[in-house]
Amino acid sequence: CGTGIGMSISANKVMGIRCALVHDV
């Protein structure tokens, strides 16, 4: 999305998800 912040916060509310917001290799 625009920043990835809201998407990562939302995804991490799901049990078992380890969502990482990444902007570098």
PDBML (XML) file of the C-alpha atoms, coordinates in Angstrom:
<?xml version="1.0" encoding="UTF-8" ?>
<PDBx:datablock datablockName="MODEL"
   xmlns:PDBx="http://pdbml.pdb.org/schema/pdbx-v50.xsd"
   xmlns:xsi="http://www.w3.org/2001/XMLSchema-instance"
   xsi:schemaLocation="http://pdbml.pdb.org/schema/pdbx-v50.xsd pdbx-v50.xsd">
   <PDBx:atom_siteCategory>
      <PDBx:atom_site id="1">
         <PDBx:B_iso_or_equiv>0.00</PDBx:B_iso_or_equiv>
         <PDBx:Cartn_x>0.000</PDBx:Cartn_x>
         <PDBx:Cartn_y>0.000</PDBx:Cartn_y>
         <PDBx:Cartn_z>0.000</PDBx:Cartn_z>
         <PDBx:auth_asym_id>A</PDBx:auth_asym_id>
         <PDBx:auth_atom_id>CA</PDBx:auth_atom_id>
         <PDBx:auth_comp_id>CYS</PDBx:auth_comp_id>
         <PDBx:auth_seq_id>1</PDBx:auth_seq_id>
         <PDBx:group_PDB>ATOM</PDBx:group_PDB>
         <PDBx:label_alt_id xsi:nil="true" />
         <PDBx:label_asym_id>A</PDBx:label_asym_id>
         <PDBx:label_atom_id>CA</PDBx:label_atom_id>
         <PDBx:label_comp_id>CYS</PDBx:label_comp_id>
         <PDBx:label_entity_id>1</PDBx:label_entity_id>
         <PDBx:label_seq_id>1</PDBx:label_seq_id>
         <PDBx:occupancy>1.00</PDBx:occupancy>
         <PDBx:pdbx_PDB_model_num>1</PDBx:pdbx_PDB_model_num>
         <PDBx:type_symbol>C</PDBx:type_symbol>
      </PDBx:atom_site>
      <PDBx:atom_site id="2">
         <PDBx:B_iso_or_equiv>0.00</PDBx:B_iso_or_equiv>
         <PDBx:Cartn_x>1.197</PDBx:Cartn_x>
         <PDBx:Cartn_y>3.583</PDBx:Cartn_y>
         <PDBx:Cartn_z>0.379</PDBx:Cartn_z>
         <PDBx:auth_asym_id>A</PDBx:auth_asym_id>
         <PDBx:auth_atom_id>CA</PDBx:auth_atom_id>
         <PDBx:auth_comp_id>GLY</PDBx:auth_comp_id>
         <PDBx:auth_seq_id>2</PDBx:auth_seq_id>
         <PDBx:group_PDB>ATOM</PDBx:group_PDB>
         <PDBx:label_alt_id xsi:nil="true" />
         <PDBx:label_asym_id>A</PDBx:label_asym_id>
         <PDBx:label_atom_id>CA</PDBx:label_atom_id>
         <PDBx:label_comp_id>GLY</PDBx:label_comp_id>
         <PDBx:label_entity_id>1</PDBx:label_entity_id>
         <PDBx:label_seq_id>2</PDBx:label_seq_id>
         <PDBx:occupancy>1.00</PDBx:occupancy>
         <PDBx:pdbx_PDB_model_num>1</PDBx:pdbx_PDB_model_num>
         <PDBx:type_symbol>C</PDBx:type_symbol>
      </PDBx:atom_site>
      <PDBx:atom_site id="3">
         <PDBx:B_iso_or_equiv>0.00</PDBx:B_iso_or_equiv>
         <PDBx:Cartn_x>3.455</PDBx:Cartn_x>
         <PDBx:Cartn_y>3.036</PDBx:Cartn_y>
         <PDBx:Cartn_z>3.392</PDBx:Cartn_z>
         <PDBx:auth_asym_id>A</PDBx:auth_asym_id>
         <PDBx:auth_atom_id>CA</PDBx:auth_atom_id>
         <PDBx:auth_comp_id>THR</PDBx:auth_comp_id>
         <PDBx:auth_seq_id>3</PDBx:auth_seq_id>
         <PDBx:group_PDB>ATOM</PDBx:group_PDB>
         <PDBx:label_alt_id xsi:nil="true" />
         <PDBx:label_asym_id>A</PDBx:label_asym_id>
         <PDBx:label_atom_id>CA</PDBx:label_atom_id>
         <PDBx:label_comp_id>THR</PDBx:label_comp_id>
         <PDBx:label_entity_id>1</PDBx:label_entity_id>
         <PDBx:label_seq_id>3</PDBx:label_seq_id>
         <PDBx:occupancy>1.00</PDBx:occupancy>
         <PDBx:pdbx_PDB_model_num>1</PDBx:pdbx_PDB_model_num>
         <PDBx:type_symbol>C</PDBx:type_symbol>
      </PDBx:atom_site>
      <PDBx:atom_site id="4">
         <PDBx:B_iso_or_equiv>0.00</PDBx:B_iso_or_equiv>
         <PDBx:Cartn_x>2.838</PDBx:Cartn_x>
         <PDBx:Cartn_y>-0.605</PDBx:Cartn_y>
         <PDBx:Cartn_z>4.327</PDBx:Cartn_z>
         <PDBx:auth_asym_id>A</PDBx:auth_asym_id>
         <PDBx:auth_atom_id>CA</PDBx:auth_atom_id>
         <PDBx:auth_comp_id>GLY</PDBx:auth_comp_id>
         <PDBx:auth_seq_id>4</PDBx:auth_seq_id>
         <PDBx:group_PDB>ATOM</PDBx:group_PDB>
         <PDBx:label_alt_id xsi:nil="true" />
         <PDBx:label_asym_id>A</PDBx:label_asym_id>
         <PDBx:label_atom_id>CA</PDBx:label_atom_id>
         <PDBx:label_comp_id>GLY</PDBx:label_comp_id>
         <PDBx:label_entity_id>1</PDBx:label_entity_id>
         <PDBx:label_seq_id>4</PDBx:label_seq_id>
         <PDBx:occupancy>1.00</PDBx:occupancy>
         <PDBx:pdbx_PDB_model_num>1</PDBx:pdbx_PDB_model_num>
         <PDBx:type_symbol>C</PDBx:type_symbol>
      </PDBx:atom_site>
      <PDBx:atom_site id="5">
         <PDBx:B_iso_or_equiv>0.00</PDBx:B_iso_or_equiv>
         <PDBx:Cartn_x>2.247</PDBx:Cartn_x>
         <PDBx:Cartn_y>0.407</PDBx:Cartn_y>
         <PDBx:Cartn_z>7.945</PDBx:Cartn_z>
         <PDBx:auth_asym_id>A</PDBx:auth_asym_id>
         <PDBx:auth_atom_id>CA</PDBx:auth_atom_id>
         <PDBx:auth_comp_id>ILE</PDBx:auth_comp_id>
         <PDBx:auth_seq_id>5</PDBx:auth_seq_id>
         <PDBx:group_PDB>ATOM</PDBx:group_PDB>
         <PDBx:label_alt_id xsi:nil="true" />
         <PDBx:label_asym_id>A</PDBx:label_asym_id>
         <PDBx:label_atom_id>CA</PDBx:label_atom_id>
         <PDBx:label_comp_id>ILE</PDBx:label_comp_id>
         <PDBx:label_entity_id>1</PDBx:label_entity_id>
         <PDBx:label_seq_id>5</PDBx:label_seq_id>
         <PDBx:occupancy>1.00</PDBx:occupancy>
         <PDBx:pdbx_PDB_model_num>1</PDBx:pdbx_PDB_model_num>
         <PDBx:type_symbol>C</PDBx:type_symbol>
      </PDBx:atom_site>
      <PDBx:atom_site id="6">
         <PDBx:B_iso_or_equiv>0.00</PDBx:B_iso_or_equiv>
         <PDBx:Cartn_x>-1.510</PDBx:Cartn_x>
         <PDBx:Cartn_y>-0.149</PDBx:Cartn_y>
         <PDBx:Cartn_z>8.198</PDBx:Cartn_z>
         <PDBx:auth_asym_id>A</PDBx:auth_asym_id>
         <PDBx:auth_atom_id>CA</PDBx:auth_atom_id>
         <PDBx:auth_comp_id>GLY</PDBx:auth_comp_id>
         <PDBx:auth_seq_id>6</PDBx:auth_seq_id>
         <PDBx:group_PDB>ATOM</PDBx:group_PDB>
         <PDBx:label_alt_id xsi:nil="true" />
         <PDBx:label_asym_id>A</PDBx:label_asym_id>
         <PDBx:label_atom_id>CA</PDBx:label_atom_id>
         <PDBx:label_comp_id>GLY</PDBx:label_comp_id>
         <PDBx:label_entity_id>1</PDBx:label_entity_id>
         <PDBx:label_seq_id>6</PDBx:label_seq_id>
         <PDBx:occupancy>1.00</PDBx:occupancy>
         <PDBx:pdbx_PDB_model_num>1</PDBx:pdbx_PDB_model_num>
         <PDBx:type_symbol>C</PDBx:type_symbol>
      </PDBx:atom_site>
      <PDBx:atom_site id="7">
         <PDBx:B_iso_or_equiv>0.00</PDBx:B_iso_or_equiv>
         <PDBx:Cartn_x>-1.325</PDBx:Cartn_x>
         <PDBx:Cartn_y>-3.370</PDBx:Cartn_y>
         <PDBx:Cartn_z>6.224</PDBx:Cartn_z>
         <PDBx:auth_asym_id>A</PDBx:auth_asym_id>
         <PDBx:auth_atom_id>CA</PDBx:auth_atom_id>
         <PDBx:auth_comp_id>MET</PDBx:auth_comp_id>
         <PDBx:auth_seq_id>7</PDBx:auth_seq_id>
         <PDBx:group_PDB>ATOM</PDBx:group_PDB>
         <PDBx:label_alt_id xsi:nil="true" />
         <PDBx:label_asym_id>A</PDBx:label_asym_id>
         <PDBx:label_atom_id>CA</PDBx:label_atom_id>
         <PDBx:label_comp_id>MET</PDBx:label_comp_id>
         <PDBx:label_entity_id>1</PDBx:label_entity_id>
         <PDBx:label_seq_id>7</PDBx:label_seq_id>
         <PDBx:occupancy>1.00</PDBx:occupancy>
         <PDBx:pdbx_PDB_model_num>1</PDBx:pdbx_PDB_model_num>
         <PDBx:type_symbol>C</PDBx:type_symbol>
      </PDBx:atom_site>
      <PDBx:atom_site id="8">
         <PDBx:B_iso_or_equiv>0.00</PDBx:B_iso_or_equiv>
         <PDBx:Cartn_x>1.393</PDBx:Cartn_x>
         <PDBx:Cartn_y>-4.791</PDBx:Cartn_y>
         <PDBx:Cartn_z>8.470</PDBx:Cartn_z>
         <PDBx:auth_asym_id>A</PDBx:auth_asym_id>
         <PDBx:auth_atom_id>CA</PDBx:auth_atom_id>
         <PDBx:auth_comp_id>SER</PDBx:auth_comp_id>
         <PDBx:auth_seq_id>8</PDBx:auth_seq_id>
         <PDBx:group_PDB>ATOM</PDBx:group_PDB>
         <PDBx:label_alt_id xsi:nil="true" />
         <PDBx:label_asym_id>A</PDBx:label_asym_id>
         <PDBx:label_atom_id>CA</PDBx:label_atom_id>
         <PDBx:label_comp_id>SER</PDBx:label_comp_id>
         <PDBx:label_entity_id>1</PDBx:label_entity_id>
         <PDBx:label_seq_id>8</PDBx:label_seq_id>
         <PDBx:occupancy>1.00</PDBx:occupancy>
         <PDBx:pdbx_PDB_model_num>1</PDBx:pdbx_PDB_model_num>
         <PDBx:type_symbol>C</PDBx:type_symbol>
      </PDBx:atom_site>
      <PDBx:atom_site id="9">
         <PDBx:B_iso_or_equiv>0.00</PDBx:B_iso_or_equiv>
         <PDBx:Cartn_x>-0.437</PDBx:Cartn_x>
         <PDBx:Cartn_y>-3.815</PDBx:Cartn_y>
         <PDBx:Cartn_z>11.662</PDBx:Cartn_z>
         <PDBx:auth_asym_id>A</PDBx:auth_asym_id>
         <PDBx:auth_atom_id>CA</PDBx:auth_atom_id>
         <PDBx:auth_comp_id>ILE</PDBx:auth_comp_id>
         <PDBx:auth_seq_id>9</PDBx:auth_seq_id>
         <PDBx:group_PDB>ATOM</PDBx:group_PDB>
         <PDBx:label_alt_id xsi:nil="true" />
         <PDBx:label_asym_id>A</PDBx:label_asym_id>
         <PDBx:label_atom_id>CA</PDBx:label_atom_id>
         <PDBx:label_comp_id>ILE</PDBx:label_comp_id>
         <PDBx:label_entity_id>1</PDBx:label_entity_id>
         <PDBx:label_seq_id>9</PDBx:label_seq_id>
         <PDBx:occupancy>1.00</PDBx:occupancy>
         <PDBx:pdbx_PDB_model_num>1</PDBx:pdbx_PDB_model_num>
         <PDBx:type_symbol>C</PDBx:type_symbol>
      </PDBx:atom_site>
      <PDBx:atom_site id="10">
         <PDBx:B_iso_or_equiv>0.00</PDBx:B_iso_or_equiv>
         <PDBx:Cartn_x>-3.654</PDBx:Cartn_x>
         <PDBx:Cartn_y>-5.404</PDBx:Cartn_y>
         <PDBx:Cartn_z>10.368</PDBx:Cartn_z>
         <PDBx:auth_asym_id>A</PDBx:auth_asym_id>
         <PDBx:auth_atom_id>CA</PDBx:auth_atom_id>
         <PDBx:auth_comp_id>SER</PDBx:auth_comp_id>
         <PDBx:auth_seq_id>10</PDBx:auth_seq_id>
         <PDBx:group_PDB>ATOM</PDBx:group_PDB>
         <PDBx:label_alt_id xsi:nil="true" />
         <PDBx:label_asym_id>A</PDBx:label_asym_id>
         <PDBx:label_atom_id>CA</PDBx:label_atom_id>
         <PDBx:label_comp_id>SER</PDBx:label_comp_id>
         <PDBx:label_entity_id>1</PDBx:label_entity_id>
         <PDBx:label_seq_id>10</PDBx:label_seq_id>
         <PDBx:occupancy>1.00</PDBx:occupancy>
         <PDBx:pdbx_PDB_model_num>1</PDBx:pdbx_PDB_model_num>
         <PDBx:type_symbol>C</PDBx:type_symbol>
      </PDBx:atom_site>
      <PDBx:atom_site id="11">
         <PDBx:B_iso_or_equiv>0.00</PDBx:B_iso_or_equiv>
         <PDBx:Cartn_x>-1.970</PDBx:Cartn_x>
         <PDBx:Cartn_y>-8.614</PDBx:Cartn_y>
         <PDBx:Cartn_z>9.198</PDBx:Cartn_z>
         <PDBx:auth_asym_id>A</PDBx:auth_asym_id>
         <PDBx:auth_atom_id>CA</PDBx:auth_atom_id>
         <PDBx:auth_comp_id>ALA</PDBx:auth_comp_id>
         <PDBx:auth_seq_id>11</PDBx:auth_seq_id>
         <PDBx:group_PDB>ATOM</PDBx:group_PDB>
         <PDBx:label_alt_id xsi:nil="true" />
         <PDBx:label_asym_id>A</PDBx:label_asym_id>
         <PDBx:label_atom_id>CA</PDBx:label_atom_id>
         <PDBx:label_comp_id>ALA</PDBx:label_comp_id>
         <PDBx:label_entity_id>1</PDBx:label_entity_id>
         <PDBx:label_seq_id>11</PDBx:label_seq_id>
         <PDBx:occupancy>1.00</PDBx:occupancy>
         <PDBx:pdbx_PDB_model_num>1</PDBx:pdbx_PDB_model_num>
         <PDBx:type_symbol>C</PDBx:type_symbol>
      </PDBx:atom_site>
      <PDBx:atom_site id="12">
         <PDBx:B_iso_or_equiv>0.00</PDBx:B_iso_or_equiv>
         <PDBx:Cartn_x>-0.205</PDBx:Cartn_x>
         <PDBx:Cartn_y>-9.055</PDBx:Cartn_y>
         <PDBx:Cartn_z>12.532</PDBx:Cartn_z>
         <PDBx:auth_asym_id>A</PDBx:auth_asym_id>
         <PDBx:auth_atom_id>CA</PDBx:auth_atom_id>
         <PDBx:auth_comp_id>ASN</PDBx:auth_comp_id>
         <PDBx:auth_seq_id>12</PDBx:auth_seq_id>
         <PDBx:group_PDB>ATOM</PDBx:group_PDB>
         <PDBx:label_alt_id xsi:nil="true" />
         <PDBx:label_asym_id>A</PDBx:label_asym_id>
         <PDBx:label_atom_id>CA</PDBx:label_atom_id>
         <PDBx:label_comp_id>ASN</PDBx:label_comp_id>
         <PDBx:label_entity_id>1</PDBx:label_entity_id>
         <PDBx:label_seq_id>12</PDBx:label_seq_id>
         <PDBx:occupancy>1.00</PDBx:occupancy>
         <PDBx:pdbx_PDB_model_num>1</PDBx:pdbx_PDB_model_num>
         <PDBx:type_symbol>C</PDBx:type_symbol>
      </PDBx:atom_site>
      <PDBx:atom_site id="13">
         <PDBx:B_iso_or_equiv>0.00</PDBx:B_iso_or_equiv>
         <PDBx:Cartn_x>-3.569</PDBx:Cartn_x>
         <PDBx:Cartn_y>-9.220</PDBx:Cartn_y>
         <PDBx:Cartn_z>14.318</PDBx:Cartn_z>
         <PDBx:auth_asym_id>A</PDBx:auth_asym_id>
         <PDBx:auth_atom_id>CA</PDBx:auth_atom_id>
         <PDBx:auth_comp_id>LYS</PDBx:auth_comp_id>
         <PDBx:auth_seq_id>13</PDBx:auth_seq_id>
         <PDBx:group_PDB>ATOM</PDBx:group_PDB>
         <PDBx:label_alt_id xsi:nil="true" />
         <PDBx:label_asym_id>A</PDBx:label_asym_id>
         <PDBx:label_atom_id>CA</PDBx:label_atom_id>
         <PDBx:label_comp_id>LYS</PDBx:label_comp_id>
         <PDBx:label_entity_id>1</PDBx:label_entity_id>
         <PDBx:label_seq_id>13</PDBx:label_seq_id>
         <PDBx:occupancy>1.00</PDBx:occupancy>
         <PDBx:pdbx_PDB_model_num>1</PDBx:pdbx_PDB_model_num>
         <PDBx:type_symbol>C</PDBx:type_symbol>
      </PDBx:atom_site>
      <PDBx:atom_site id="14">
         <PDBx:B_iso_or_equiv>0.00</PDBx:B_iso_or_equiv>
         <PDBx:Cartn_x>-4.094</PDBx:Cartn_x>
         <PDBx:Cartn_y>-12.665</PDBx:Cartn_y>
         <PDBx:Cartn_z>12.789</PDBx:Cartn_z>
         <PDBx:auth_asym_id>A</PDBx:auth_asym_id>
         <PDBx:auth_atom_id>CA</PDBx:auth_atom_id>
         <PDBx:auth_comp_id>VAL</PDBx:auth_comp_id>
         <PDBx:auth_seq_id>14</PDBx:auth_seq_id>
         <PDBx:group_PDB>ATOM</PDBx:group_PDB>
         <PDBx:label_alt_id xsi:nil="true" />
         <PDBx:label_asym_id>A</PDBx:label_asym_id>
         <PDBx:label_atom_id>CA</PDBx:label_atom_id>
         <PDBx:label_comp_id>VAL</PDBx:label_comp_id>
         <PDBx:label_entity_id>1</PDBx:label_entity_id>
         <PDBx:label_seq_id>14</PDBx:label_seq_id>
         <PDBx:occupancy>1.00</PDBx:occupancy>
         <PDBx:pdbx_PDB_model_num>1</PDBx:pdbx_PDB_model_num>
         <PDBx:type_symbol>C</PDBx:type_symbol>
      </PDBx:atom_site>
      <PDBx:atom_site id="15">
         <PDBx:B_iso_or_equiv>0.00</PDBx:B_iso_or_equiv>
         <PDBx:Cartn_x>-2.765</PDBx:Cartn_x>
         <PDBx:Cartn_y>-15.466</PDBx:Cartn_y>
         <PDBx:Cartn_z>14.978</PDBx:Cartn_z>
         <PDBx:auth_asym_id>A</PDBx:auth_asym_id>
         <PDBx:auth_atom_id>CA</PDBx:auth_atom_id>
         <PDBx:auth_comp_id>MET</PDBx:auth_comp_id>
         <PDBx:auth_seq_id>15</PDBx:auth_seq_id>
         <PDBx:group_PDB>ATOM</PDBx:group_PDB>
         <PDBx:label_alt_id xsi:nil="true" />
         <PDBx:label_asym_id>A</PDBx:label_asym_id>
         <PDBx:label_atom_id>CA</PDBx:label_atom_id>
         <PDBx:label_comp_id>MET</PDBx:label_comp_id>
         <PDBx:label_entity_id>1</PDBx:label_entity_id>
         <PDBx:label_seq_id>15</PDBx:label_seq_id>
         <PDBx:occupancy>1.00</PDBx:occupancy>
         <PDBx:pdbx_PDB_model_num>1</PDBx:pdbx_PDB_model_num>
         <PDBx:type_symbol>C</PDBx:type_symbol>
      </PDBx:atom_site>
      <PDBx:atom_site id="16">
         <PDBx:B_iso_or_equiv>0.00</PDBx:B_iso_or_equiv>
         <PDBx:Cartn_x>0.256</PDBx:Cartn_x>
         <PDBx:Cartn_y>-17.152</PDBx:Cartn_y>
         <PDBx:Cartn_z>13.452</PDBx:Cartn_z>
         <PDBx:auth_asym_id>A</PDBx:auth_asym_id>
         <PDBx:auth_atom_id>CA</PDBx:auth_atom_id>
         <PDBx:auth_comp_id>GLY</PDBx:auth_comp_id>
         <PDBx:auth_seq_id>16</PDBx:auth_seq_id>
         <PDBx:group_PDB>ATOM</PDBx:group_PDB>
         <PDBx:label_alt_id xsi:nil="true" />
         <PDBx:label_asym_id>A</PDBx:label_asym_id>
         <PDBx:label_atom_id>CA</PDBx:label_atom_id>
         <PDBx:label_comp_id>GLY</PDBx:label_comp_id>
         <PDBx:label_entity_id>1</PDBx:label_entity_id>
         <PDBx:label_seq_id>16</PDBx:label_seq_id>
         <PDBx:occupancy>1.00</PDBx:occupancy>
         <PDBx:pdbx_PDB_model_num>1</PDBx:pdbx_PDB_model_num>
         <PDBx:type_symbol>C</PDBx:type_symbol>
      </PDBx:atom_site>
      <PDBx:atom_site id="17">
         <PDBx:B_iso_or_equiv>0.00</PDBx:B_iso_or_equiv>
         <PDBx:Cartn_x>1.173</PDBx:Cartn_x>
         <PDBx:Cartn_y>-14.273</PDBx:Cartn_y>
         <PDBx:Cartn_z>11.189</PDBx:Cartn_z>
         <PDBx:auth_asym_id>A</PDBx:auth_asym_id>
         <PDBx:auth_atom_id>CA</PDBx:auth_atom_id>
         <PDBx:auth_comp_id>ILE</PDBx:auth_comp_id>
         <PDBx:auth_seq_id>17</PDBx:auth_seq_id>
         <PDBx:group_PDB>ATOM</PDBx:group_PDB>
         <PDBx:label_alt_id xsi:nil="true" />
         <PDBx:label_asym_id>A</PDBx:label_asym_id>
         <PDBx:label_atom_id>CA</PDBx:label_atom_id>
         <PDBx:label_comp_id>ILE</PDBx:label_comp_id>
         <PDBx:label_entity_id>1</PDBx:label_entity_id>
         <PDBx:label_seq_id>17</PDBx:label_seq_id>
         <PDBx:occupancy>1.00</PDBx:occupancy>
         <PDBx:pdbx_PDB_model_num>1</PDBx:pdbx_PDB_model_num>
         <PDBx:type_symbol>C</PDBx:type_symbol>
      </PDBx:atom_site>
      <PDBx:atom_site id="18">
         <PDBx:B_iso_or_equiv>0.00</PDBx:B_iso_or_equiv>
         <PDBx:Cartn_x>4.600</PDBx:Cartn_x>
         <PDBx:Cartn_y>-12.727</PDBx:Cartn_y>
         <PDBx:Cartn_z>11.327</PDBx:Cartn_z>
         <PDBx:auth_asym_id>A</PDBx:auth_asym_id>
         <PDBx:auth_atom_id>CA</PDBx:auth_atom_id>
         <PDBx:auth_comp_id>ARG</PDBx:auth_comp_id>
         <PDBx:auth_seq_id>18</PDBx:auth_seq_id>
         <PDBx:group_PDB>ATOM</PDBx:group_PDB>
         <PDBx:label_alt_id xsi:nil="true" />
         <PDBx:label_asym_id>A</PDBx:label_asym_id>
         <PDBx:label_atom_id>CA</PDBx:label_atom_id>
         <PDBx:label_comp_id>ARG</PDBx:label_comp_id>
         <PDBx:label_entity_id>1</PDBx:label_entity_id>
         <PDBx:label_seq_id>18</PDBx:label_seq_id>
         <PDBx:occupancy>1.00</PDBx:occupancy>
         <PDBx:pdbx_PDB_model_num>1</PDBx:pdbx_PDB_model_num>
         <PDBx:type_symbol>C</PDBx:type_symbol>
      </PDBx:atom_site>
      <PDBx:atom_site id="19">
         <PDBx:B_iso_or_equiv>0.00</PDBx:B_iso_or_equiv>
         <PDBx:Cartn_x>4.273</PDBx:Cartn_x>
         <PDBx:Cartn_y>-9.797</PDBx:Cartn_y>
         <PDBx:Cartn_z>8.964</PDBx:Cartn_z>
         <PDBx:auth_asym_id>A</PDBx:auth_asym_id>
         <PDBx:auth_atom_id>CA</PDBx:auth_atom_id>
         <PDBx:auth_comp_id>CYS</PDBx:auth_comp_id>
         <PDBx:auth_seq_id>19</PDBx:auth_seq_id>
         <PDBx:group_PDB>ATOM</PDBx:group_PDB>
         <PDBx:label_alt_id xsi:nil="true" />
         <PDBx:label_asym_id>A</PDBx:label_asym_id>
         <PDBx:label_atom_id>CA</PDBx:label_atom_id>
         <PDBx:label_comp_id>CYS</PDBx:label_comp_id>
         <PDBx:label_entity_id>1</PDBx:label_entity_id>
         <PDBx:label_seq_id>19</PDBx:label_seq_id>
         <PDBx:occupancy>1.00</PDBx:occupancy>
         <PDBx:pdbx_PDB_model_num>1</PDBx:pdbx_PDB_model_num>
         <PDBx:type_symbol>C</PDBx:type_symbol>
      </PDBx:atom_site>
      <PDBx:atom_site id="20">
         <PDBx:B_iso_or_equiv>0.00</PDBx:B_iso_or_equiv>
         <PDBx:Cartn_x>7.387</PDBx:Cartn_x>
         <PDBx:Cartn_y>-7.711</PDBx:Cartn_y>
         <PDBx:Cartn_z>8.459</PDBx:Cartn_z>
         <PDBx:auth_asym_id>A</PDBx:auth_asym_id>
         <PDBx:auth_atom_id>CA</PDBx:auth_atom_id>
         <PDBx:auth_comp_id>ALA</PDBx:auth_comp_id>
         <PDBx:auth_seq_id>20</PDBx:auth_seq_id>
         <PDBx:group_PDB>ATOM</PDBx:group_PDB>
         <PDBx:label_alt_id xsi:nil="true" />
         <PDBx:label_asym_id>A</PDBx:label_asym_id>
         <PDBx:label_atom_id>CA</PDBx:label_atom_id>
         <PDBx:label_comp_id>ALA</PDBx:label_comp_id>
         <PDBx:label_entity_id>1</PDBx:label_entity_id>
         <PDBx:label_seq_id>20</PDBx:label_seq_id>
         <PDBx:occupancy>1.00</PDBx:occupancy>
         <PDBx:pdbx_PDB_model_num>1</PDBx:pdbx_PDB_model_num>
         <PDBx:type_symbol>C</PDBx:type_symbol>
      </PDBx:atom_site>
      <PDBx:atom_site id="21">
         <PDBx:B_iso_or_equiv>0.00</PDBx:B_iso_or_equiv>
         <PDBx:Cartn_x>7.309</PDBx:Cartn_x>
         <PDBx:Cartn_y>-4.171</PDBx:Cartn_y>
         <PDBx:Cartn_z>7.119</PDBx:Cartn_z>
         <PDBx:auth_asym_id>A</PDBx:auth_asym_id>
         <PDBx:auth_atom_id>CA</PDBx:auth_atom_id>
         <PDBx:auth_comp_id>LEU</PDBx:auth_comp_id>
         <PDBx:auth_seq_id>21</PDBx:auth_seq_id>
         <PDBx:group_PDB>ATOM</PDBx:group_PDB>
         <PDBx:label_alt_id xsi:nil="true" />
         <PDBx:label_asym_id>A</PDBx:label_asym_id>
         <PDBx:label_atom_id>CA</PDBx:label_atom_id>
         <PDBx:label_comp_id>LEU</PDBx:label_comp_id>
         <PDBx:label_entity_id>1</PDBx:label_entity_id>
         <PDBx:label_seq_id>21</PDBx:label_seq_id>
         <PDBx:occupancy>1.00</PDBx:occupancy>
         <PDBx:pdbx_PDB_model_num>1</PDBx:pdbx_PDB_model_num>
         <PDBx:type_symbol>C</PDBx:type_symbol>
      </PDBx:atom_site>
      <PDBx:atom_site id="22">
         <PDBx:B_iso_or_equiv>0.00</PDBx:B_iso_or_equiv>
         <PDBx:Cartn_x>10.429</PDBx:Cartn_x>
         <PDBx:Cartn_y>-4.030</PDBx:Cartn_y>
         <PDBx:Cartn_z>4.966</PDBx:Cartn_z>
         <PDBx:auth_asym_id>A</PDBx:auth_asym_id>
         <PDBx:auth_atom_id>CA</PDBx:auth_atom_id>
         <PDBx:auth_comp_id>VAL</PDBx:auth_comp_id>
         <PDBx:auth_seq_id>22</PDBx:auth_seq_id>
         <PDBx:group_PDB>ATOM</PDBx:group_PDB>
         <PDBx:label_alt_id xsi:nil="true" />
         <PDBx:label_asym_id>A</PDBx:label_asym_id>
         <PDBx:label_atom_id>CA</PDBx:label_atom_id>
         <PDBx:label_comp_id>VAL</PDBx:label_comp_id>
         <PDBx:label_entity_id>1</PDBx:label_entity_id>
         <PDBx:label_seq_id>22</PDBx:label_seq_id>
         <PDBx:occupancy>1.00</PDBx:occupancy>
         <PDBx:pdbx_PDB_model_num>1</PDBx:pdbx_PDB_model_num>
         <PDBx:type_symbol>C</PDBx:type_symbol>
      </PDBx:atom_site>
      <PDBx:atom_site id="23">
         <PDBx:B_iso_or_equiv>0.00</PDBx:B_iso_or_equiv>
         <PDBx:Cartn_x>12.013</PDBx:Cartn_x>
         <PDBx:Cartn_y>-1.261</PDBx:Cartn_y>
         <PDBx:Cartn_z>2.926</PDBx:Cartn_z>
         <PDBx:auth_asym_id>A</PDBx:auth_asym_id>
         <PDBx:auth_atom_id>CA</PDBx:auth_atom_id>
         <PDBx:auth_comp_id>HIS</PDBx:auth_comp_id>
         <PDBx:auth_seq_id>23</PDBx:auth_seq_id>
         <PDBx:group_PDB>ATOM</PDBx:group_PDB>
         <PDBx:label_alt_id xsi:nil="true" />
         <PDBx:label_asym_id>A</PDBx:label_asym_id>
         <PDBx:label_atom_id>CA</PDBx:label_atom_id>
         <PDBx:label_comp_id>HIS</PDBx:label_comp_id>
         <PDBx:label_entity_id>1</PDBx:label_entity_id>
         <PDBx:label_seq_id>23</PDBx:label_seq_id>
         <PDBx:occupancy>1.00</PDBx:occupancy>
         <PDBx:pdbx_PDB_model_num>1</PDBx:pdbx_PDB_model_num>
         <PDBx:type_symbol>C</PDBx:type_symbol>
      </PDBx:atom_site>
      <PDBx:atom_site id="24">
         <PDBx:B_iso_or_equiv>0.00</PDBx:B_iso_or_equiv>
         <PDBx:Cartn_x>15.535</PDBx:Cartn_x>
         <PDBx:Cartn_y>-2.633</PDBx:Cartn_y>
         <PDBx:Cartn_z>2.414</PDBx:Cartn_z>
         <PDBx:auth_asym_id>A</PDBx:auth_asym_id>
         <PDBx:auth_atom_id>CA</PDBx:auth_atom_id>
         <PDBx:auth_comp_id>ASP</PDBx:auth_comp_id>
         <PDBx:auth_seq_id>24</PDBx:auth_seq_id>
         <PDBx:group_PDB>ATOM</PDBx:group_PDB>
         <PDBx:label_alt_id xsi:nil="true" />
         <PDBx:label_asym_id>A</PDBx:label_asym_id>
         <PDBx:label_atom_id>CA</PDBx:label_atom_id>
         <PDBx:label_comp_id>ASP</PDBx:label_comp_id>
         <PDBx:label_entity_id>1</PDBx:label_entity_id>
         <PDBx:label_seq_id>24</PDBx:label_seq_id>
         <PDBx:occupancy>1.00</PDBx:occupancy>
         <PDBx:pdbx_PDB_model_num>1</PDBx:pdbx_PDB_model_num>
         <PDBx:type_symbol>C</PDBx:type_symbol>
      </PDBx:atom_site>
      <PDBx:atom_site id="25">
         <PDBx:B_iso_or_equiv>0.00</PDBx:B_iso_or_equiv>
         <PDBx:Cartn_x>17.121</PDBx:Cartn_x>
         <PDBx:Cartn_y>-5.865</PDBx:Cartn_y>
         <PDBx:Cartn_z>1.222</PDBx:Cartn_z>
         <PDBx:auth_asym_id>A</PDBx:auth_asym_id>
         <PDBx:auth_atom_id>CA</PDBx:auth_atom_id>
         <PDBx:auth_comp_id>VAL</PDBx:auth_comp_id>
         <PDBx:auth_seq_id>25</PDBx:auth_seq_id>
         <PDBx:group_PDB>ATOM</PDBx:group_PDB>
         <PDBx:label_alt_id xsi:nil="true" />
         <PDBx:label_asym_id>A</PDBx:label_asym_id>
         <PDBx:label_atom_id>CA</PDBx:label_atom_id>
         <PDBx:label_comp_id>VAL</PDBx:label_comp_id>
         <PDBx:label_entity_id>1</PDBx:label_entity_id>
         <PDBx:label_seq_id>25</PDBx:label_seq_id>
         <PDBx:occupancy>1.00</PDBx:occupancy>
         <PDBx:pdbx_PDB_model_num>1</PDBx:pdbx_PDB_model_num>
         <PDBx:type_symbol>C</PDBx:type_symbol>
      </PDBx:atom_site>
   </PDBx:atom_siteCategory>
</PDBx:datablock>
